[in-house]
PDB file of N, CA and C in Angstrom:
ATOM      1  N   MET A   1      -5.589 -12.251  -9.562  1.00  0.00           N
ATOM      2  CA  MET A   1      -6.701 -12.610  -8.702  1.00  0.00           C
ATOM      3  C   MET A   1      -6.207 -12.691  -7.263  1.00  0.00           C
ATOM      4  N   LYS A   2      -6.920 -12.031  -6.380  1.00  0.00           N
ATOM      5  CA  LYS A   2      -6.500 -12.046  -4.983  1.00  0.00           C
ATOM      6  C   LYS A   2      -7.138 -13.225  -4.245  1.00  0.00           C
ATOM      7  N   TYR A   3      -6.474 -13.628  -3.191  1.00  0.00           N
ATOM      8  CA  TYR A   3      -6.964 -14.754  -2.418  1.00  0.00           C
ATOM      9  C   TYR A   3      -7.205 -14.323  -0.973  1.00  0.00           C
ATOM     10  N   LYS A   4      -8.025 -15.079  -0.286  1.00  0.00           N
ATOM     11  CA  LYS A   4      -8.311 -14.805   1.114  1.00  0.00           C
ATOM     12  C   LYS A   4      -7.186 -15.377   1.958  1.00  0.00           C
ATOM     13  N   THR A   5      -6.724 -14.600   2.919  1.00  0.00           N
ATOM     14  CA  THR A   5      -5.646 -15.043   3.792  1.00  0.00           C
ATOM     15  C   THR A   5      -5.940 -14.572   5.220  1.00  0.00           C
ATOM     16  N   THR A   6      -4.994 -14.809   6.093  1.00  0.00           N
ATOM     17  CA  THR A   6      -5.144 -14.388   7.484  1.00  0.00           C
ATOM     18  C   THR A   6      -4.028 -13.416   7.857  1.00  0.00           C
ATOM     19  N   LYS A   7      -4.284 -12.664   8.885  1.00  0.00           N
ATOM     20  CA  LYS A   7      -3.269 -11.746   9.412  1.00  0.00           C
ATOM     21  C   LYS A   7      -2.010 -12.525   9.801  1.00  0.00           C
ATOM     22  N   LYS A   8      -2.196 -13.648  10.438  1.00  0.00           N
ATOM     23  CA  LYS A   8      -1.071 -14.469  10.887  1.00  0.00           C
ATOM     24  C   LYS A   8      -0.204 -14.914   9.704  1.00  0.00           C
ATOM     25  N   ALA A   9      -0.837 -15.348   8.630  1.00  0.00           N
ATOM     26  CA  ALA A   9      -0.088 -15.799   7.459  1.00  0.00           C
ATOM     27  C   ALA A   9       0.722 -14.661   6.843  1.00  0.00           C
ATOM     28  N   VAL A  10       0.149 -13.493   6.781  1.00  0.00           N
ATOM     29  CA  VAL A  10       0.860 -12.338   6.221  1.00  0.00           C
ATOM     30  C   VAL A  10       2.011 -11.933   7.143  1.00  0.00           C
ATOM     31  N   MET A  11       1.752 -11.885   8.436  1.00  0.00           N
ATOM     32  CA  MET A  11       2.794 -11.480   9.388  1.00  0.00           C
ATOM     33  C   MET A  11       3.965 -12.465   9.377  1.00  0.00           C
ATOM     34  N   ASN A  12       3.679 -13.745   9.172  1.00  0.00           N
ATOM     35  CA  ASN A  12       4.736 -14.760   9.116  1.00  0.00           C
ATOM     36  C   ASN A  12       5.423 -14.822   7.751  1.00  0.00           C
ATOM     37  N   GLY A  13       4.774 -14.312   6.717  1.00  0.00           N
ATOM     38  CA  GLY A  13       5.277 -14.455   5.364  1.00  0.00           C
ATOM     39  C   GLY A  13       6.132 -13.323   4.840  1.00  0.00           C
ATOM     40  N   TYR A  14       6.186 -12.201   5.565  1.00  0.00           N
ATOM     41  CA  TYR A  14       6.927 -11.034   5.090  1.00  0.00           C
ATOM     42  C   TYR A  14       7.865 -10.518   6.163  1.00  0.00           C
ATOM     43  N   TYR A  15       8.973  -9.978   5.716  1.00  0.00           N
ATOM     44  CA  TYR A  15       9.958  -9.412   6.630  1.00  0.00           C
ATOM     45  C   TYR A  15       9.396  -8.172   7.317  1.00  0.00           C
ATOM     46  N   ARG A  16       8.718  -7.329   6.538  1.00  0.00           N
ATOM     47  CA  ARG A  16       8.098  -6.115   7.077  1.00  0.00           C
ATOM     48  C   ARG A  16       6.646  -6.054   6.598  1.00  0.00           C
ATOM     49  N   VAL A  17       5.759  -5.632   7.497  1.00  0.00           N
ATOM     50  CA  VAL A  17       4.366  -5.416   7.134  1.00  0.00           C
ATOM     51  C   VAL A  17       3.972  -4.039   7.637  1.00  0.00           C
ATOM     52  N   LEU A  18       3.521  -3.188   6.706  1.00  0.00           N
ATOM     53  CA  LEU A  18       3.103  -1.834   7.046  1.00  0.00           C
ATOM     54  C   LEU A  18       1.590  -1.795   7.209  1.00  0.00           C
ATOM     55  N   ALA A  19       1.126  -1.206   8.292  1.00  0.00           N
ATOM     56  CA  ALA A  19      -0.301  -1.030   8.551  1.00  0.00           C
ATOM     57  C   ALA A  19      -0.700   0.373   8.110  1.00  0.00           C
ATOM     58  N   VAL A  20      -1.587   0.451   7.129  1.00  0.00           N
ATOM     59  CA  VAL A  20      -2.007   1.735   6.580  1.00  0.00           C
ATOM     60  C   VAL A  20      -3.534   1.816   6.632  1.00  0.00           C
ATOM     61  N   PRO A  21      -4.087   2.841   7.274  1.00  0.00           N
ATOM     62  CA  PRO A  21      -5.543   2.980   7.348  1.00  0.00           C
ATOM     63  C   PRO A  21      -6.201   3.079   5.968  1.00  0.00           C
ATOM     64  N   TYR A  22      -7.477   2.754   5.937  1.00  0.00           N
ATOM     65  CA  TYR A  22      -8.283   2.755   4.722  1.00  0.00           C
ATOM     66  C   TYR A  22      -8.154   4.077   3.970  1.00  0.00           C
ATOM     67  N   CYS A  23      -7.860   4.007   2.696  1.00  0.00           N
ATOM     68  CA  CYS A  23      -7.779   5.126   1.751  1.00  0.00           C
ATOM     69  C   CYS A  23      -6.591   6.063   1.966  1.00  0.00           C
ATOM     70  N   ASP A  24      -5.717   5.805   2.914  1.00  0.00           N
ATOM     71  CA  ASP A  24      -4.580   6.702   3.131  1.00  0.00           C
ATOM     72  C   ASP A  24      -3.596   6.691   1.968  1.00  0.00           C
ATOM     73  N   LEU A  25      -3.524   5.598   1.222  1.00  0.00           N
ATOM     74  CA  LEU A  25      -2.614   5.513   0.073  1.00  0.00           C
ATOM     75  C   LEU A  25      -3.362   5.139  -1.206  1.00  0.00           C
ATOM     76  N   GLN A  26      -4.610   5.568  -1.321  1.00  0.00           N
ATOM     77  CA  GLN A  26      -5.418   5.142  -2.459  1.00  0.00           C
ATOM     78  C   GLN A  26      -4.850   5.594  -3.799  1.00  0.00           C
ATOM     79  N   HIS A  27      -4.225   6.760  -3.860  1.00  0.00           N
ATOM     80  CA  HIS A  27      -3.650   7.216  -5.124  1.00  0.00           C
ATOM     81  C   HIS A  27      -2.298   6.563  -5.392  1.00  0.00           C
ATOM     82  N   LEU A  28      -1.502   6.406  -4.356  1.00  0.00           N
ATOM     83  CA  LEU A  28      -0.186   5.794  -4.519  1.00  0.00           C
ATOM     84  C   LEU A  28      -0.304   4.344  -4.995  1.00  0.00           C
ATOM     85  N   LEU A  29      -1.312   3.636  -4.510  1.00  0.00           N
ATOM     86  CA  LEU A  29      -1.502   2.230  -4.870  1.00  0.00           C
ATOM     87  C   LEU A  29      -2.495   2.045  -6.024  1.00  0.00           C
ATOM     88  N   ASN A  30      -2.847   3.133  -6.673  1.00  0.00           N
ATOM     89  CA  ASN A  30      -3.888   3.133  -7.705  1.00  0.00           C
ATOM     90  C   ASN A  30      -3.659   2.112  -8.815  1.00  0.00           C
ATOM     91  N   TYR A  31      -2.431   1.950  -9.278  1.00  0.00           N
ATOM     92  CA  TYR A  31      -2.151   1.051 -10.394  1.00  0.00           C
ATOM     93  C   TYR A  31      -1.598  -0.303  -9.939  1.00  0.00           C
ATOM     94  N   GLU A  32      -1.616  -0.567  -8.659  1.00  0.00           N
ATOM     95  CA  GLU A  32      -1.134  -1.842  -8.119  1.00  0.00           C
ATOM     96  C   GLU A  32      -2.318  -2.774  -7.874  1.00  0.00           C
ATOM     97  N   ASN A  33      -2.047  -4.063  -7.936  1.00  0.00           N
ATOM     98  CA  ASN A  33      -3.074  -5.063  -7.650  1.00  0.00           C
ATOM     99  C   ASN A  33      -2.772  -5.721  -6.312  1.00  0.00           C
ATOM    100  N   GLU A  34      -3.780  -5.797  -5.483  1.00  0.00           N
ATOM    101  CA  GLU A  34      -3.600  -6.473  -4.205  1.00  0.00           C
ATOM    102  C   GLU A  34      -3.472  -7.969  -4.464  1.00  0.00           C
ATOM    103  N   ILE A  35      -2.659  -8.611  -3.631  1.00  0.00           N
ATOM    104  CA  ILE A  35      -2.466 -10.052  -3.821  1.00  0.00           C
ATOM    105  C   ILE A  35      -3.406 -10.866  -2.948  1.00  0.00           C
ATOM    106  N   ALA A  36      -3.881 -10.257  -1.864  1.00  0.00           N
ATOM    107  CA  ALA A  36      -4.728 -10.991  -0.928  1.00  0.00           C
ATOM    108  C   ALA A  36      -5.606 -10.017  -0.149  1.00  0.00           C
ATOM    109  N   TYR A  37      -6.538 -10.575   0.603  1.00  0.00           N
ATOM    110  CA  TYR A  37      -7.376  -9.775   1.487  1.00  0.00           C
ATOM    111  C   TYR A  37      -7.650 -10.568   2.758  1.00  0.00           C
ATOM    112  N   THR A  38      -7.973  -9.835   3.806  1.00  0.00           N
ATOM    113  CA  THR A  38      -8.349 -10.472   5.065  1.00  0.00           C
ATOM    114  C   THR A  38      -9.775 -10.072   5.409  1.00  0.00           C
ATOM    115  N   THR A  39     -10.381 -10.861   6.275  1.00  0.00           N
ATOM    116  CA  THR A  39     -11.730 -10.552   6.737  1.00  0.00           C
ATOM    117  C   THR A  39     -11.737 -10.507   8.257  1.00  0.00           C
ATOM    118  N   ARG A  40     -12.821  -9.987   8.776  1.00  0.00           N
ATOM    119  CA  ARG A  40     -13.054  -9.950  10.217  1.00  0.00           C
ATOM    120  C   ARG A  40     -14.534 -10.248  10.429  1.00  0.00           C
ATOM    121  N   SER A  41     -14.998 -10.229  11.644  1.00  0.00           N
ATOM    122  CA  SER A  41     -16.386 -10.615  11.897  1.00  0.00           C
ATOM    123  C   SER A  41     -17.381  -9.692  11.188  1.00  0.00           C
ATOM    124  N   GLU A  42     -17.000  -8.437  10.969  1.00  0.00           N
ATOM    125  CA  GLU A  42     -17.883  -7.485  10.299  1.00  0.00           C
ATOM    126  C   GLU A  42     -17.811  -7.588   8.782  1.00  0.00           C
ATOM    127  N   GLY A  43     -16.855  -8.342   8.249  1.00  0.00           N
ATOM    128  CA  GLY A  43     -16.680  -8.468   6.799  1.00  0.00           C
ATOM    129  C   GLY A  43     -15.237  -8.204   6.409  1.00  0.00           C
ATOM    130  N   TRP A  44     -15.055  -7.501   5.300  1.00  0.00           N
ATOM    131  CA  TRP A  44     -13.719  -7.223   4.766  1.00  0.00           C
ATOM    132  C   TRP A  44     -12.881  -6.468   5.800  1.00  0.00           C
ATOM    133  N   GLY A  45     -11.602  -6.852   5.895  1.00  0.00           N
ATOM    134  CA  GLY A  45     -10.716  -6.210   6.855  1.00  0.00           C
ATOM    135  C   GLY A  45      -9.627  -5.378   6.216  1.00  0.00           C
ATOM    136  N   ALA A  46      -8.864  -5.987   5.298  1.00  0.00           N
ATOM    137  CA  ALA A  46      -7.757  -5.276   4.673  1.00  0.00           C
ATOM    138  C   ALA A  46      -7.344  -5.942   3.378  1.00  0.00           C
ATOM    139  N   ASP A  47      -6.757  -5.148   2.487  1.00  0.00           N
ATOM    140  CA  ASP A  47      -6.123  -5.667   1.286  1.00  0.00           C
ATOM    141  C   ASP A  47      -4.625  -5.715   1.533  1.00  0.00           C
ATOM    142  N   VAL A  48      -3.958  -6.682   0.929  1.00  0.00           N
ATOM    143  CA  VAL A  48      -2.518  -6.854   1.108  1.00  0.00           C
ATOM    144  C   VAL A  48      -1.823  -6.663  -0.235  1.00  0.00           C
ATOM    145  N   TYR A  49      -0.864  -5.758  -0.250  1.00  0.00           N
ATOM    146  CA  TYR A  49      -0.053  -5.482  -1.435  1.00  0.00           C
ATOM    147  C   TYR A  49       1.365  -5.962  -1.155  1.00  0.00           C
ATOM    148  N   GLN A  50       1.986  -6.600  -2.136  1.00  0.00           N
ATOM    149  CA  GLN A  50       3.323  -7.163  -1.969  1.00  0.00           C
ATOM    150  C   GLN A  50       4.344  -6.364  -2.762  1.00  0.00           C
ATOM    151  N   PHE A  51       5.463  -6.030  -2.087  1.00  0.00           N
ATOM    152  CA  PHE A  51       6.591  -5.352  -2.718  1.00  0.00           C
ATOM    153  C   PHE A  51       7.859  -6.036  -2.223  1.00  0.00           C
ATOM    154  N   GLY A  52       8.256  -7.082  -2.921  1.00  0.00           N
ATOM    155  CA  GLY A  52       9.413  -7.864  -2.493  1.00  0.00           C
ATOM    156  C   GLY A  52       9.111  -8.563  -1.183  1.00  0.00           C
ATOM    157  N   ASN A  53       9.964  -8.335  -0.172  1.00  0.00           N
ATOM    158  CA  ASN A  53       9.757  -8.959   1.139  1.00  0.00           C
ATOM    159  C   ASN A  53       8.995  -8.058   2.098  1.00  0.00           C
ATOM    160  N   THR A  54       8.349  -7.031   1.542  1.00  0.00           N
ATOM    161  CA  THR A  54       7.553  -6.094   2.330  1.00  0.00           C
ATOM    162  C   THR A  54       6.113  -6.125   1.839  1.00  0.00           C
ATOM    163  N   ALA A  55       5.177  -6.040   2.780  1.00  0.00           N
ATOM    164  CA  ALA A  55       3.759  -5.998   2.426  1.00  0.00           C
ATOM    165  C   ALA A  55       3.125  -4.757   3.042  1.00  0.00           C
ATOM    166  N   ILE A  56       2.112  -4.254   2.371  1.00  0.00           N
ATOM    167  CA  ILE A  56       1.295  -3.170   2.910  1.00  0.00           C
ATOM    168  C   ILE A  56      -0.097  -3.739   3.117  1.00  0.00           C
ATOM    169  N   ALA A  57      -0.600  -3.644   4.346  1.00  0.00           N
ATOM    170  CA  ALA A  57      -1.965  -4.071   4.675  1.00  0.00           C
ATOM    171  C   ALA A  57      -2.780  -2.808   4.908  1.00  0.00           C
ATOM    172  N   THR A  58      -3.732  -2.549   4.035  1.00  0.00           N
ATOM    173  CA  THR A  58      -4.525  -1.329   4.126  1.00  0.00           C
ATOM    174  C   THR A  58      -6.005  -1.668   4.091  1.00  0.00           C
ATOM    175  N   GLY A  59      -6.767  -1.028   4.962  1.00  0.00           N
ATOM    176  CA  GLY A  59      -8.196  -1.285   5.010  1.00  0.00           C
ATOM    177  C   GLY A  59      -8.812  -0.799   6.297  1.00  0.00           C
ATOM    178  N   TYR A  60      -9.994  -1.325   6.601  1.00  0.00           N
ATOM    179  CA  TYR A  60     -10.691  -0.967   7.831  1.00  0.00           C
ATOM    180  C   TYR A  60      -9.966  -1.513   9.057  1.00  0.00           C
ATOM    181  N   ALA A  61      -9.299  -2.655   8.902  1.00  0.00           N
ATOM    182  CA  ALA A  61      -8.570  -3.279  10.006  1.00  0.00           C
ATOM    183  C   ALA A  61      -7.137  -3.574   9.558  1.00  0.00           C
ATOM    184  N   PRO A  62      -6.338  -2.513   9.340  1.00  0.00           N
ATOM    185  CA  PRO A  62      -4.966  -2.739   8.898  1.00  0.00           C
ATOM    186  C   PRO A  62      -4.129  -3.344  10.017  1.00  0.00           C
ATOM    187  N   PHE A  63      -3.066  -4.026   9.661  1.00  0.00           N
ATOM    188  CA  PHE A  63      -2.215  -4.659  10.657  1.00  0.00           C
ATOM    189  C   PHE A  63      -0.784  -4.626  10.169  1.00  0.00           C
ATOM    190  N   GLY A  64       0.126  -4.754  11.095  1.00  0.00           N
ATOM    191  CA  GLY A  64       1.537  -4.784  10.745  1.00  0.00           C
ATOM    192  C   GLY A  64       2.384  -4.314  11.910  1.00  0.00           C
ATOM    193  N   THR A  65       3.689  -4.465  11.739  1.00  0.00           N
ATOM    194  CA  THR A  65       4.621  -4.047  12.783  1.00  0.00           C
ATOM    195  C   THR A  65       5.087  -2.617  12.579  1.00  0.00           C
ATOM    196  N   ILE A  66       4.836  -2.062  11.402  1.00  0.00           N
ATOM    197  CA  ILE A  66       5.235  -0.684  11.103  1.00  0.00           C
ATOM    198  C   ILE A  66       3.978   0.115  10.792  1.00  0.00           C
ATOM    199  N   ARG A  67       3.816   1.230  11.489  1.00  0.00           N
ATOM    200  CA  ARG A  67       2.675   2.113  11.258  1.00  0.00           C
ATOM    201  C   ARG A  67       3.191   3.481  10.830  1.00  0.00           C
ATOM    202  N   PRO A  68       3.288   3.698   9.509  1.00  0.00           N
ATOM    203  CA  PRO A  68       3.766   5.000   9.036  1.00  0.00           C
ATOM    204  C   PRO A  68       2.852   6.120   9.518  1.00  0.00           C
ATOM    205  N   SER A  69       3.421   7.282   9.726  1.00  0.00           N
ATOM    206  CA  SER A  69       2.644   8.412  10.232  1.00  0.00           C
ATOM    207  C   SER A  69       1.633   8.898   9.202  1.00  0.00           C
ATOM    208  N   TYR A  70       0.620   9.552   9.701  1.00  0.00           N
ATOM    209  CA  TYR A  70      -0.389  10.155   8.835  1.00  0.00           C
ATOM    210  C   TYR A  70       0.274  11.150   7.881  1.00  0.00           C
ATOM    211  N   GLU A  71       1.209  11.915   8.401  1.00  0.00           N
ATOM    212  CA  GLU A  71       1.891  12.934   7.601  1.00  0.00           C
ATOM    213  C   GLU A  71       2.667  12.300   6.437  1.00  0.00           C
ATOM    214  N   LEU A  72       3.358  11.195   6.706  1.00  0.00           N
ATOM    215  CA  LEU A  72       4.112  10.511   5.651  1.00  0.00           C
ATOM    216  C   LEU A  72       3.161   9.959   4.591  1.00  0.00           C
ATOM    217  N   ASN A  73       2.099   9.315   5.022  1.00  0.00           N
ATOM    218  CA  ASN A  73       1.114   8.786   4.078  1.00  0.00           C
ATOM    219  C   ASN A  73       0.516   9.907   3.229  1.00  0.00           C
ATOM    220  N   LYS A  74       0.172  11.008   3.867  1.00  0.00           N
ATOM    221  CA  LYS A  74      -0.436  12.136   3.157  1.00  0.00           C
ATOM    222  C   LYS A  74       0.539  12.743   2.158  1.00  0.00           C
ATOM    223  N   LYS A  75       1.800  12.875   2.550  1.00  0.00           N
ATOM    224  CA  LYS A  75       2.829  13.437   1.662  1.00  0.00           C
ATOM    225  C   LYS A  75       2.906  12.647   0.356  1.00  0.00           C
ATOM    226  N   TYR A  76       2.995  11.338   0.465  1.00  0.00           N
ATOM    227  CA  TYR A  76       3.131  10.512  -0.726  1.00  0.00           C
ATOM    228  C   TYR A  76       1.826  10.379  -1.499  1.00  0.00           C
ATOM    229  N   ASP A  77       0.707  10.303  -0.802  1.00  0.00           N
ATOM    230  CA  ASP A  77      -0.555  10.164  -1.515  1.00  0.00           C
ATOM    231  C   ASP A  77      -0.931  11.448  -2.239  1.00  0.00           C
ATOM    232  N   ASP A  78      -0.628  12.599  -1.654  1.00  0.00           N
ATOM    233  CA  ASP A  78      -0.889  13.870  -2.337  1.00  0.00           C
ATOM    234  C   ASP A  78      -0.042  13.996  -3.599  1.00  0.00           C
ATOM    235  N   ALA A  79       1.222  13.598  -3.516  1.00  0.00           N
ATOM    236  CA  ALA A  79       2.089  13.632  -4.697  1.00  0.00           C
ATOM    237  C   ALA A  79       1.587  12.648  -5.755  1.00  0.00           C
ATOM    238  N   ALA A  80       1.132  11.486  -5.318  1.00  0.00           N
ATOM    239  CA  ALA A  80       0.609  10.486  -6.255  1.00  0.00           C
ATOM    240  C   ALA A  80      -0.685  10.967  -6.904  1.00  0.00           C
ATOM    241  N   ARG A  81      -1.508  11.708  -6.166  1.00  0.00           N
ATOM    242  CA  ARG A  81      -2.757  12.236  -6.718  1.00  0.00           C
ATOM    243  C   ARG A  81      -2.466  13.119  -7.931  1.00  0.00           C
ATOM    244  N   GLU A  82      -1.407  13.919  -7.838  1.00  0.00           N
ATOM    245  CA  GLU A  82      -1.023  14.778  -8.963  1.00  0.00           C
ATOM    246  C   GLU A  82      -0.710  13.948 -10.209  1.00  0.00           C
ATOM    247  N   ILE A  83      -0.045  12.834 -10.034  1.00  0.00           N
ATOM    248  CA  ILE A  83       0.308  11.964 -11.161  1.00  0.00           C
ATOM    249  C   ILE A  83      -0.939  11.283 -11.724  1.00  0.00           C
ATOM    250  N   VAL A  84      -1.759  10.733 -10.839  1.00  0.00           N
ATOM    251  CA  VAL A  84      -2.962  10.009 -11.273  1.00  0.00           C
ATOM    252  C   VAL A  84      -3.926  10.940 -11.997  1.00  0.00           C
ATOM    253  N   ASN A  85      -4.071  12.160 -11.508  1.00  0.00           N
ATOM    254  CA  ASN A  85      -5.025  13.110 -12.088  1.00  0.00           C
ATOM    255  C   ASN A  85      -4.443  13.941 -13.220  1.00  0.00           C
ATOM    256  N   ASP A  86      -3.223  13.680 -13.628  1.00  0.00           N
ATOM    257  CA  ASP A  86      -2.599  14.396 -14.727  1.00  0.00           C
ATOM    258  C   ASP A  86      -3.127  13.827 -16.039  1.00  0.00           C
ATOM    259  N   TRP A  87      -3.940  14.592 -16.716  1.00  0.00           N
ATOM    260  CA  TRP A  87      -4.568  14.109 -17.949  1.00  0.00           C
ATOM    261  C   TRP A  87      -3.828  14.586 -19.195  1.00  0.00           C
ATOM    262  N   SER A  88      -2.573  14.961 -19.039  1.00  0.00           N
ATOM    263  CA  SER A  88      -1.782  15.363 -20.199  1.00  0.00           C
ATOM    264  C   SER A  88      -1.421  14.126 -21.013  1.00  0.00           C
ATOM    265  N   LYS A  89      -0.324  14.165 -21.710  1.00  0.00           N
ATOM    266  CA  LYS A  89       0.025  13.078 -22.623  1.00  0.00           C
ATOM    267  C   LYS A  89       0.660  11.872 -21.940  1.00  0.00           C
ATOM    268  N   ASN A  90       0.744  11.853 -20.619  1.00  0.00           N
ATOM    269  CA  ASN A  90       1.340  10.708 -19.936  1.00  0.00           C
ATOM    270  C   ASN A  90       0.474   9.468 -20.119  1.00  0.00           C
ATOM    271  N   SER A  91       1.101   8.391 -20.540  1.00  0.00           N
ATOM    272  CA  SER A  91       0.381   7.146 -20.754  1.00  0.00           C
ATOM    273  C   SER A  91       0.209   6.397 -19.433  1.00  0.00           C
ATOM    274  N   TYR A  92      -0.600   5.371 -19.477  1.00  0.00           N
ATOM    275  CA  TYR A  92      -0.802   4.501 -18.321  1.00  0.00           C
ATOM    276  C   TYR A  92       0.530   3.955 -17.823  1.00  0.00           C
ATOM    277  N   GLU A  93       1.369   3.512 -18.757  1.00  0.00           N
ATOM    278  CA  GLU A  93       2.664   2.934 -18.391  1.00  0.00           C
ATOM    279  C   GLU A  93       3.563   3.969 -17.722  1.00  0.00           C
ATOM    280  N   ASP A  94       3.546   5.207 -18.233  1.00  0.00           N
ATOM    281  CA  ASP A  94       4.358   6.275 -17.636  1.00  0.00           C
ATOM    282  C   ASP A  94       3.905   6.580 -16.212  1.00  0.00           C
ATOM    283  N   LYS A  95       2.602   6.693 -16.026  1.00  0.00           N
ATOM    284  CA  LYS A  95       2.068   6.960 -14.694  1.00  0.00           C
ATOM    285  C   LYS A  95       2.414   5.826 -13.730  1.00  0.00           C
ATOM    286  N   ARG A  96       2.238   4.611 -14.200  1.00  0.00           N
ATOM    287  CA  ARG A  96       2.527   3.457 -13.348  1.00  0.00           C
ATOM    288  C   ARG A  96       4.005   3.418 -12.966  1.00  0.00           C
ATOM    289  N   ALA A  97       4.888   3.717 -13.897  1.00  0.00           N
ATOM    290  CA  ALA A  97       6.322   3.738 -13.621  1.00  0.00           C
ATOM    291  C   ALA A  97       6.664   4.820 -12.583  1.00  0.00           C
ATOM    292  N   LYS A  98       6.063   5.992 -12.719  1.00  0.00           N
ATOM    293  CA  LYS A  98       6.305   7.075 -11.755  1.00  0.00           C
ATOM    294  C   LYS A  98       5.808   6.677 -10.367  1.00  0.00           C
ATOM    295  N   LEU A  99       4.640   6.059 -10.319  1.00  0.00           N
ATOM    296  CA  LEU A  99       4.096   5.637  -9.030  1.00  0.00           C
ATOM    297  C   LEU A  99       4.931   4.524  -8.412  1.00  0.00           C
ATOM    298  N   ARG A 100       5.456   3.618  -9.234  1.00  0.00           N
ATOM    299  CA  ARG A 100       6.321   2.550  -8.709  1.00  0.00           C
ATOM    300  C   ARG A 100       7.562   3.150  -8.055  1.00  0.00           C
ATOM    301  N   GLU A 101       8.144   4.170  -8.681  1.00  0.00           N
ATOM    302  CA  GLU A 101       9.299   4.854  -8.086  1.00  0.00           C
ATOM    303  C   GLU A 101       8.917   5.487  -6.761  1.00  0.00           C
ATOM    304  N   MET A 102       7.748   6.114  -6.716  1.00  0.00           N
ATOM    305  CA  MET A 102       7.282   6.732  -5.477  1.00  0.00           C
ATOM    306  C   MET A 102       7.042   5.695  -4.389  1.00  0.00           C
ATOM    307  N   ILE A 103       6.513   4.541  -4.767  1.00  0.00           N
ATOM    308  CA  ILE A 103       6.275   3.472  -3.793  1.00  0.00           C
ATOM    309  C   ILE A 103       7.600   3.029  -3.180  1.00  0.00           C
ATOM    310  N   GLU A 104       8.622   2.871  -4.017  1.00  0.00           N
ATOM    311  CA  GLU A 104       9.946   2.481  -3.514  1.00  0.00           C
ATOM    312  C   GLU A 104      10.481   3.520  -2.531  1.00  0.00           C
ATOM    313  N   GLU A 105      10.330   4.802  -2.855  1.00  0.00           N
ATOM    314  CA  GLU A 105      10.768   5.874  -1.955  1.00  0.00           C
ATOM    315  C   GLU A 105       9.971   5.834  -0.650  1.00  0.00           C
ATOM    316  N   TYR A 106       8.660   5.643  -0.775  1.00  0.00           N
ATOM    317  CA  TYR A 106       7.792   5.571   0.401  1.00  0.00           C
ATOM    318  C   TYR A 106       8.213   4.427   1.318  1.00  0.00           C
ATOM    319  N   LEU A 107       8.445   3.256   0.736  1.00  0.00           N
ATOM    320  CA  LEU A 107       8.825   2.099   1.543  1.00  0.00           C
ATOM    321  C   LEU A 107      10.163   2.328   2.237  1.00  0.00           C
ATOM    322  N   LYS A 108      11.105   2.946   1.553  1.00  0.00           N
ATOM    323  CA  LYS A 108      12.406   3.250   2.184  1.00  0.00           C
ATOM    324  C   LYS A 108      12.217   4.196   3.363  1.00  0.00           C
ATOM    325  N   GLU A 109      11.425   5.235   3.152  1.00  0.00           N
ATOM    326  CA  GLU A 109      11.225   6.219   4.224  1.00  0.00           C
ATOM    327  C   GLU A 109      10.410   5.624   5.377  1.00  0.00           C
ATOM    328  N   ALA A 110       9.398   4.854   5.061  1.00  0.00           N
ATOM    329  CA  ALA A 110       8.531   4.274   6.099  1.00  0.00           C
ATOM    330  C   ALA A 110       9.257   3.220   6.926  1.00  0.00           C
ATOM    331  N   THR A 111      10.188   2.503   6.307  1.00  0.00           N
ATOM    332  CA  THR A 111      10.885   1.423   7.015  1.00  0.00           C
ATOM    333  C   THR A 111      12.271   1.843   7.476  1.00  0.00           C
ATOM    334  N   ASN A 112      12.610   3.087   7.308  1.00  0.00           N
ATOM    335  CA  ASN A 112      13.940   3.583   7.669  1.00  0.00           C
ATOM    336  C   ASN A 112      14.309   3.312   9.126  1.00  0.00           C
ATOM    337  N   ASN A 113      13.361   3.480  10.007  1.00  0.00           N
ATOM    338  CA  ASN A 113      13.629   3.304  11.436  1.00  0.00           C
ATOM    339  C   ASN A 113      13.212   1.928  11.946  1.00  0.00           C
ATOM    340  N   ALA A 114      12.762   1.066  11.048  1.00  0.00           N
ATOM    341  CA  ALA A 114      12.277  -0.258  11.476  1.00  0.00           C
ATOM    342  C   ALA A 114      13.388  -1.275  11.496  1.00  0.00           C
TER     343      ALA A 114
END
């Protein structure tokens, strides 16, 4: 179950926070559960995903100190789409494990220069 939080709390609570625009990583994060969400005056702002001491804030109003490039996000999300849409004999657990590996690679590449 996710809880409502603030941008300030997330920024103070994690070593790295990646700002990712809405739907840029929808396939890569497909099997992950967000831990929190933020709001703004217009309503929902962003969902927050936790990976150790790193968080990804993705939504209409993403925030963070690291802004991965569109090209990097697209590279990983396109590869993840292939896994998610693979209707062969791969089980849910297999797909989730493959995506978790991809998330780790993505985080390393996105935070490499941070």
